Amino acid sequence: MDVTEIRQLVALEQTHWWYRERRAILRGELRRLARSGRPGRALDLGAAGGGNTRVLVEEGWDATATDCSEEAVEVARQRGLRAMVADARWPPVESASVDLVTAFDVLEHVEEDYLVTEQMARVLRPGGHALIAVPCDMSLWSEHDDAVGHLRRYDRASLVTVVEKAGLRVERLWSWNVLLRPLVARHRRGSTGSDLRKLPFAVNAGLSAVVMAERYLPVKSCKGVTLFLRARLGG
């Protein structure tokens, strides 16, 4: 993600339907993990301006944001977050030192995605968890993917493979943005550049209502626009 995209993300993420619902998903997963133990140390890879890192902190985690962009790290620090410049393929973090690693929209930007998952496994303590989100389905490839620096979109098998080869055990894998997939596919066929932009209030509210409905509908095994995965190291 380039500097312009980071600035747009930070400006929009508090209100944009896509980022708001993704943070809600993260918060829900964190609360599920909290049922089995107290929050510990967390590492947020590719954190950009730290929107998800803030959720980690709000849910009681001792969280550090990392990003390869110095500007993104500076934005995260200005928000009061602990942050450091780091490549997700080689984070300068001690082995077996964290309880949770998050990587939302990171793997698709890295040629050697297997190095990222290997590092996630390396830094996790036994029993620690990884939460991953990636864009899915190459049939949805568009100029949006080129504009935001995607190298690939995943299917379920390819995502599971890169995670399991790192030594992580998949606990849950599900689709998101299922209901809006036809709209997304149609829009991107004729789009030029990134989808990241401010939307009219009514449009944003309508899209938010649709995607929030997925919390209650049995659609997580259907094709969507994003794949989420929760994995565990060992046991």
Protein backbone atom coordinates (compact mmCIF):
# COMPACT_ATOMS: atom_id res chain seq x y z
CA MET A 1 0.00 0.00 0.00
CA ASP A 2 1.49 3.36 -1.03
CA VAL A 3 1.51 6.58 0.99
CA THR A 4 -1.62 7.93 -0.71
CA GLU A 5 -3.57 4.75 0.08
CA ILE A 6 -2.43 4.88 3.72
CA ARG A 7 -3.62 8.47 4.07
CA GLN A 8 -6.95 7.61 2.48
CA LEU A 9 -7.36 4.57 4.71
CA VAL A 10 -6.71 6.52 7.90
CA ALA A 11 -9.14 9.23 6.83
CA LEU A 12 -11.92 6.80 5.95
CA GLU A 13 -11.57 3.80 8.24
CA GLN A 14 -13.63 5.14 11.13
CA THR A 15 -16.78 5.49 9.04
CA HIS A 16 -16.34 3.36 5.92
CA TRP A 17 -18.62 0.29 6.00
CA TRP A 18 -15.90 -2.14 4.96
CA TYR A 19 -13.40 -1.18 7.65
CA ARG A 20 -16.03 -0.82 10.38
CA GLU A 21 -17.43 -4.30 9.84
CA ARG A 22 -13.97 -5.83 9.55
CA ARG A 23 -13.07 -4.32 12.92
CA ALA A 24 -16.29 -5.79 14.32
CA ILE A 25 -15.22 -9.23 13.07
CA LEU A 26 -11.82 -8.80 14.70
CA ARG A 27 -13.42 -7.73 17.96
CA GLY A 28 -15.69 -10.77 17.91
CA GLU A 29 -12.75 -13.11 17.39
CA LEU A 30 -10.80 -11.47 20.19
CA ARG A 31 -13.72 -11.96 22.57
CA ARG A 32 -13.92 -15.63 21.60
CA LEU A 33 -10.24 -16.02 22.38
CA ALA A 34 -10.72 -14.22 25.70
CA ARG A 35 -13.05 -16.99 26.85
CA SER A 36 -10.07 -19.37 26.99
CA GLY A 37 -7.64 -17.02 28.70
CA ARG A 38 -6.66 -13.45 29.46
CA PRO A 39 -5.38 -11.25 26.62
CA GLY A 40 -1.61 -11.28 26.30
CA ARG A 41 0.93 -9.87 23.89
CA ALA A 42 -0.16 -9.25 20.29
CA LEU A 43 1.63 -8.36 17.06
CA ASP A 44 -0.30 -6.67 14.24
CA LEU A 45 1.57 -7.20 10.96
CA GLY A 46 1.02 -4.77 8.11
CA ALA A 47 -0.97 -2.56 10.43
CA ALA A 48 -0.98 0.56 8.22
CA GLY A 49 -2.26 3.38 10.45
CA GLY A 50 -3.16 1.01 13.28
CA GLY A 51 -6.95 0.80 12.99
CA ASN A 52 -6.98 -2.86 13.95
CA THR A 53 -4.23 -2.38 16.51
CA ARG A 54 -6.53 0.02 18.35
CA VAL A 55 -9.14 -2.73 18.58
CA LEU A 56 -6.52 -5.06 20.07
CA VAL A 57 -5.61 -2.47 22.69
CA GLU A 58 -9.26 -1.73 23.48
CA GLU A 59 -9.82 -5.44 24.07
CA GLY A 60 -6.97 -5.60 26.57
CA TRP A 61 -4.09 -6.85 24.44
CA ASP A 62 -0.53 -5.54 24.82
CA ALA A 63 -0.29 -4.82 21.10
CA THR A 64 2.43 -3.62 18.76
CA ALA A 65 1.73 -2.42 15.22
CA THR A 66 4.26 -3.12 12.48
CA ASP A 67 4.39 -1.86 8.92
CA CYS A 68 7.05 -1.48 6.25
CA SER A 69 5.95 2.13 5.69
CA GLU A 70 7.58 4.73 7.94
CA GLU A 71 4.62 7.06 7.35
CA ALA A 72 2.12 4.41 8.45
CA VAL A 73 4.12 3.74 11.60
CA GLU A 74 4.27 7.46 12.37
CA VAL A 75 0.48 7.70 11.98
CA ALA A 76 0.03 4.77 14.37
CA ARG A 77 2.32 6.40 16.91
CA GLN A 78 0.41 9.67 16.64
CA ARG A 79 -2.66 7.68 17.62
CA GLY A 80 -0.92 6.61 20.80
CA LEU A 81 -0.04 3.11 19.65
CA ARG A 82 3.23 1.23 20.02
CA ALA A 83 4.51 0.80 16.47
CA MET A 84 7.68 -0.07 14.61
CA VAL A 85 8.89 -0.25 11.03
CA ALA A 86 9.26 -3.90 10.08
CA ASP A 87 8.99 -6.22 7.11
CA ALA A 88 6.35 -8.90 7.76
CA ARG A 89 8.78 -11.46 6.35
CA TRP A 90 11.37 -10.69 9.04
CA PRO A 91 9.77 -9.00 12.06
CA PRO A 92 12.39 -8.19 14.72
CA VAL A 93 10.50 -10.02 17.43
CA GLU A 94 11.78 -12.80 19.68
CA SER A 95 10.66 -16.33 18.92
CA ALA A 96 7.80 -17.73 21.02
CA SER A 97 7.15 -14.31 22.56
CA VAL A 98 3.59 -13.37 21.55
CA ASP A 99 0.15 -14.86 22.09
CA LEU A 100 -1.59 -13.50 19.00
CA VAL A 101 -0.50 -12.38 15.53
CA THR A 102 -2.87 -10.60 13.17
CA ALA A 103 -2.28 -10.10 9.45
CA PHE A 104 -5.23 -8.46 7.72
CA ASP A 105 -4.68 -7.87 4.00
CA VAL A 106 -0.97 -8.61 4.18
CA LEU A 107 -0.24 -11.96 2.53
CA GLU A 108 -1.55 -10.92 -0.87
CA HIS A 109 1.03 -8.10 -1.02
CA VAL A 110 4.05 -10.35 -0.43
CA GLU A 111 5.64 -12.50 -3.12
CA GLU A 112 7.01 -14.91 -0.51
CA ASP A 113 3.78 -15.21 1.48
CA TYR A 114 5.08 -18.42 3.04
CA LEU A 115 7.80 -16.39 4.80
CA VAL A 116 5.12 -14.32 6.52
CA THR A 117 3.22 -17.35 7.83
CA GLU A 118 6.50 -18.97 8.90
CA GLN A 119 7.32 -15.86 10.91
CA MET A 120 3.86 -15.84 12.43
CA ALA A 121 4.46 -19.37 13.65
CA ARG A 122 7.97 -18.50 14.86
CA VAL A 123 6.94 -15.59 17.07
CA LEU A 124 3.90 -17.34 18.57
CA ARG A 125 4.05 -19.11 21.88
CA PRO A 126 2.70 -22.69 21.89
CA GLY A 127 -1.07 -22.41 21.92
CA GLY A 128 -0.96 -18.90 20.47
CA HIS A 129 -3.27 -17.84 17.68
CA ALA A 130 -3.05 -16.21 14.27
CA LEU A 131 -5.88 -14.24 12.65
CA ILE A 132 -5.60 -13.68 8.90
CA ALA A 133 -7.73 -11.93 6.29
CA VAL A 134 -7.06 -12.03 2.54
CA PRO A 135 -8.94 -11.13 -0.66
CA CYS A 136 -10.32 -14.24 -2.33
CA ASP A 137 -11.05 -15.64 -5.78
CA MET A 138 -8.94 -14.70 -8.79
CA SER A 139 -12.11 -14.39 -10.86
CA LEU A 140 -12.68 -11.11 -8.99
CA TRP A 141 -9.31 -9.70 -10.09
CA SER A 142 -9.62 -6.13 -11.33
CA GLU A 143 -7.76 -2.85 -11.59
CA HIS A 144 -8.51 -2.37 -7.91
CA ASP A 145 -6.10 -5.22 -7.12
CA ASP A 146 -3.40 -3.68 -9.29
CA ALA A 147 -3.92 -0.26 -7.72
CA VAL A 148 -3.52 -1.49 -4.14
CA GLY A 149 -0.56 -3.75 -4.87
CA HIS A 150 -2.12 -7.19 -4.71
CA LEU A 151 -0.08 -10.05 -6.15
CA ARG A 152 -2.82 -12.66 -5.84
CA ARG A 153 -6.28 -13.45 -4.51
CA TYR A 154 -6.64 -16.70 -2.54
CA ASP A 155 -8.98 -19.64 -2.62
CA ARG A 156 -9.57 -21.73 0.47
CA ALA A 157 -7.08 -24.42 -0.50
CA SER A 158 -4.21 -22.02 -1.22
CA LEU A 159 -4.73 -20.12 2.02
CA VAL A 160 -4.90 -23.28 4.12
CA THR A 161 -1.78 -24.62 2.41
CA VAL A 162 0.41 -21.59 3.15
CA VAL A 163 -0.81 -21.53 6.76
CA GLU A 164 -0.44 -25.24 7.48
CA LYS A 165 3.00 -25.50 5.86
CA ALA A 166 4.17 -22.96 8.43
CA GLY A 167 3.14 -25.34 11.21
CA LEU A 168 -0.11 -23.65 12.19
CA ARG A 169 -3.34 -25.61 12.66
CA VAL A 170 -6.44 -24.08 11.09
CA GLU A 171 -9.30 -23.80 13.57
CA ARG A 172 -11.76 -21.81 11.49
CA LEU A 173 -12.01 -20.61 7.89
CA TRP A 174 -14.91 -18.56 6.56
CA SER A 175 -16.01 -16.19 3.82
CA TRP A 176 -17.02 -12.59 4.31
CA ASN A 177 -18.73 -10.02 2.11
CA VAL A 178 -20.82 -12.78 0.54
CA LEU A 179 -24.07 -10.87 0.05
CA LEU A 180 -22.35 -8.02 -1.75
CA ARG A 181 -20.15 -10.22 -3.94
CA PRO A 182 -22.35 -9.82 -7.08
CA LEU A 183 -22.33 -6.05 -6.65
CA VAL A 184 -18.57 -5.99 -6.09
CA ALA A 185 -17.94 -8.17 -9.14
CA ARG A 186 -20.11 -5.97 -11.34
CA HIS A 187 -18.63 -2.75 -10.04
CA ARG A 188 -15.03 -3.87 -10.49
CA ARG A 189 -15.52 -5.04 -14.05
CA GLY A 190 -15.95 -1.41 -15.02
CA SER A 191 -13.82 0.27 -12.37
CA THR A 192 -10.46 1.93 -12.76
CA GLY A 193 -8.14 2.06 -9.77
CA SER A 194 -8.78 1.52 -6.09
CA ASP A 195 -12.25 1.23 -4.54
CA LEU A 196 -11.05 3.15 -1.50
CA ARG A 197 -13.01 6.41 -1.47
CA LYS A 198 -15.55 8.30 0.61
CA LEU A 199 -19.13 7.27 -0.11
CA PRO A 200 -22.36 9.22 0.24
CA PHE A 201 -23.88 8.69 3.68
CA ALA A 202 -26.92 6.78 2.42
CA VAL A 203 -24.81 4.45 0.26
CA ASN A 204 -22.37 3.77 3.09
CA ALA A 205 -25.23 3.08 5.51
CA GLY A 206 -26.95 0.74 3.07
CA LEU A 207 -23.80 -1.28 2.37
CA SER A 208 -23.10 -1.45 6.09
CA ALA A 209 -26.58 -2.84 6.80
CA VAL A 210 -26.18 -5.53 4.15
CA VAL A 211 -22.77 -6.72 5.29
CA MET A 212 -23.82 -6.64 8.97
CA ALA A 213 -26.63 -9.07 8.11
CA GLU A 214 -23.98 -11.72 7.47
CA ARG A 215 -23.44 -11.92 11.22
CA TYR A 216 -26.77 -13.71 11.48
CA LEU A 217 -27.12 -15.58 8.17
CA PRO A 218 -25.63 -19.00 7.27
CA VAL A 219 -23.51 -17.70 4.39
CA LYS A 220 -19.96 -18.13 5.69
CA SER A 221 -19.33 -21.24 3.56
CA CYS A 222 -20.42 -19.48 0.35
CA LYS A 223 -18.17 -17.53 -1.98
CA GLY A 224 -17.40 -14.02 -0.80
CA VAL A 225 -14.90 -11.27 -1.45
CA THR A 226 -12.67 -11.94 1.59
CA LEU A 227 -11.49 -15.02 3.46
CA PHE A 228 -10.89 -14.98 7.21
CA LEU A 229 -8.86 -17.65 8.97
CA ARG A 230 -8.05 -18.40 12.60
CA ALA A 231 -5.16 -20.77 13.31
CA ARG A 232 -3.31 -22.03 16.35
CA LEU A 233 0.27 -23.07 17.02
CA GLY A 234 0.31 -26.59 18.43
CA GLY A 235 -2.28 -28.45 20.49
